[in-house]
């Protein structure tokens, strides 16, 4: 079966930075619902379309097509008293909201002199990413998966 609209694609993948350093890879295959549901980067979904089990794709994604451009406005300095002290260290993560109410995951990048620097950018924002994936399985999505716009069951989302 070919990758097409409303198919569930199971794949292994690897993300590398522009220098070829592996940023992330899947030890176990992961699945996504193909068909424009924002379950995977659009350029990757485009490259997967029409492929078959066993096929491999590899493409370079510019920041706008991957984790976004780096936004300096997402870096903020806050008083340390605004954070739970038991978790307050570099690398800690906290949820916050932007001015539109959208939840952003902030990462603590520095703690000093009663101040905390938090960064709401994805750690790989602003980077060119190399995405490589090998298709392990393709199946038709069931109606519930299409309705919910994501995969259910093994390798997918569970309610």
Protein backbone atom coordinates (compact mmCIF):
# COMPACT_ATOMS: atom_id res chain seq x y z
CA UNK A 1 0.00 0.00 0.00
CA UNK A 2 1.25 3.48 -0.89
CA UNK A 3 1.32 6.43 1.47
CA UNK A 4 -1.77 8.48 0.62
CA UNK A 5 -4.57 10.53 2.23
CA UNK A 6 -5.87 8.93 5.44
CA UNK A 7 -3.23 6.23 5.72
CA UNK A 8 -1.33 5.51 8.92
CA UNK A 9 2.40 5.57 8.24
CA UNK A 10 4.75 3.79 10.63
CA UNK A 11 8.38 4.82 10.33
CA UNK A 12 11.73 5.10 12.01
CA UNK A 13 13.41 8.47 11.76
CA UNK A 14 16.52 10.45 12.51
CA UNK A 15 16.93 14.20 12.91
CA UNK A 16 20.38 15.71 12.39
CA UNK A 17 21.64 19.25 12.55
CA UNK A 18 23.44 20.88 9.61
CA UNK A 19 26.76 19.43 10.86
CA UNK A 20 25.39 15.87 10.78
CA UNK A 21 25.07 15.55 14.58
CA UNK A 22 22.10 13.33 15.50
CA UNK A 23 19.62 15.38 17.53
CA UNK A 24 16.96 12.71 17.90
CA UNK A 25 16.15 9.29 16.52
CA UNK A 26 13.40 6.76 17.04
CA UNK A 27 14.45 3.52 18.69
CA UNK A 28 10.97 2.13 18.10
CA UNK A 29 8.89 2.90 15.00
CA UNK A 30 6.42 5.78 15.35
CA UNK A 31 3.16 6.30 13.49
CA UNK A 32 1.35 9.35 12.13
CA UNK A 33 -1.89 9.94 10.21
CA UNK A 34 -1.04 11.12 6.69
CA UNK A 35 -3.28 13.71 5.07
CA UNK A 36 -2.56 17.27 6.14
CA UNK A 37 -3.51 16.91 9.80
CA UNK A 38 -0.36 18.68 11.09
CA UNK A 39 0.93 15.45 12.65
CA UNK A 40 4.32 15.81 10.94
CA UNK A 41 6.23 18.60 9.20
CA UNK A 42 4.36 19.44 5.95
CA UNK A 43 7.50 19.11 3.77
CA UNK A 44 8.13 15.63 5.24
CA UNK A 45 4.53 14.62 4.60
CA UNK A 46 4.87 15.87 1.02
CA UNK A 47 8.03 13.77 0.55
CA UNK A 48 6.33 10.68 2.04
CA UNK A 49 3.29 10.89 -0.27
CA UNK A 50 3.23 8.05 -2.78
CA UNK A 51 6.06 6.12 -1.10
CA UNK A 52 5.92 2.44 -0.14
CA UNK A 53 7.02 0.20 2.72
CA UNK A 54 10.82 0.04 2.76
CA UNK A 55 11.31 3.41 1.06
CA UNK A 56 13.58 5.98 2.72
CA UNK A 57 13.31 9.73 2.40
CA UNK A 58 15.91 12.29 3.41
CA UNK A 59 15.46 16.01 3.14
CA UNK A 60 16.83 19.25 4.55
CA UNK A 61 14.31 21.42 6.35
CA UNK A 62 14.91 25.13 6.73
CA UNK A 63 13.93 26.57 10.14
CA UNK A 64 10.56 27.81 8.83
CA UNK A 65 9.74 24.24 7.72
CA UNK A 66 10.89 22.60 10.97
CA UNK A 67 11.04 24.17 14.45
CA UNK A 68 10.65 27.80 13.38
CA UNK A 69 12.92 30.80 13.33
CA UNK A 70 14.57 31.82 16.60
CA UNK A 71 12.47 34.57 18.23
CA UNK A 72 14.44 36.73 20.68
CA UNK A 73 11.13 38.04 22.10
CA UNK A 74 10.51 34.57 23.57
CA UNK A 75 13.49 35.06 25.91
CA UNK A 76 12.44 36.66 29.19
CA UNK A 77 14.04 37.54 32.51
CA UNK A 78 11.82 36.88 35.50
CA UNK A 79 12.31 37.07 39.28
CA UNK A 80 13.31 33.72 40.78
CA UNK A 81 10.48 34.11 43.30
CA UNK A 82 7.98 33.48 40.46
CA UNK A 83 9.14 29.84 40.15
CA UNK A 84 8.92 26.77 42.38
CA UNK A 85 12.35 26.70 44.01
CA UNK A 86 12.70 22.89 44.09
CA UNK A 87 12.78 22.73 40.26
CA UNK A 88 14.73 25.89 39.57
CA UNK A 89 17.87 25.02 37.61
CA UNK A 90 19.19 25.31 34.06
CA UNK A 91 17.29 22.94 31.79
CA UNK A 92 14.10 22.99 33.91
CA UNK A 93 10.96 23.53 31.89
CA UNK A 94 7.76 25.40 32.74
CA UNK A 95 4.56 26.09 30.83
CA UNK A 96 3.48 29.66 30.29
CA UNK A 97 1.11 31.55 28.00
CA UNK A 98 1.85 34.11 25.34
CA UNK A 99 -0.32 37.21 24.86
CA UNK A 100 -2.82 35.21 22.76
CA UNK A 101 -3.24 32.56 25.48
CA UNK A 102 -1.30 29.90 23.59
CA UNK A 103 0.66 27.60 25.90
CA UNK A 104 4.43 27.81 25.42
CA UNK A 105 7.01 25.54 26.99
CA UNK A 106 9.78 27.68 28.49
CA UNK A 107 13.24 26.32 29.29
CA UNK A 108 15.37 27.86 32.02
CA UNK A 109 18.69 28.90 30.44
CA UNK A 110 20.25 30.77 33.38
CA UNK A 111 19.66 31.33 37.10
CA UNK A 112 21.68 34.08 38.83
CA UNK A 113 21.29 36.91 41.31
CA UNK A 114 17.62 36.19 42.02
CA UNK A 115 16.75 36.31 38.32
CA UNK A 116 15.78 33.52 35.92
CA UNK A 117 16.24 33.61 32.15
CA UNK A 118 13.60 31.53 30.33
CA UNK A 119 13.48 30.78 26.60
CA UNK A 120 10.21 29.88 24.87
CA UNK A 121 11.91 28.85 21.63
CA UNK A 122 12.14 25.18 20.71
CA UNK A 123 15.75 24.07 21.42
CA UNK A 124 16.26 23.56 17.67
CA UNK A 125 14.56 26.79 16.54
CA UNK A 126 16.59 28.63 13.93
CA UNK A 127 18.41 25.48 12.84
CA UNK A 128 18.42 23.73 9.49
CA UNK A 129 17.44 20.10 10.15
CA UNK A 130 18.11 16.97 8.11
CA UNK A 131 15.15 14.59 8.41
CA UNK A 132 15.59 10.97 7.36
CA UNK A 133 12.84 8.37 7.66
CA UNK A 134 12.28 4.78 6.57
CA UNK A 135 8.72 3.58 6.07
CA UNK A 136 8.06 0.39 8.04
CA UNK A 137 4.31 0.02 7.47
CA UNK A 138 1.36 1.70 5.74
CA UNK A 139 -2.28 0.91 6.47
CA UNK A 140 -5.66 2.52 5.97
CA UNK A 141 -6.74 4.69 8.88
CA UNK A 142 -9.95 3.72 10.64
CA UNK A 143 -12.86 6.17 10.86
CA UNK A 144 -12.14 7.11 14.48
CA UNK A 145 -8.54 8.03 13.60
CA UNK A 146 -9.71 10.19 10.70
CA UNK A 147 -12.36 11.86 12.88
CA UNK A 148 -9.84 12.55 15.67
CA UNK A 149 -7.10 13.42 13.12
CA UNK A 150 -4.43 11.26 14.77
CA UNK A 151 -3.39 7.63 15.14
CA UNK A 152 -4.90 5.38 17.82
CA UNK A 153 -3.62 2.07 19.17
CA UNK A 154 -0.14 0.58 19.03
CA UNK A 155 2.41 3.27 18.26
CA UNK A 156 -0.24 5.98 18.34
CA UNK A 157 -2.42 7.99 20.69
CA UNK A 158 -4.44 6.32 23.43
CA UNK A 159 -7.50 7.85 25.12
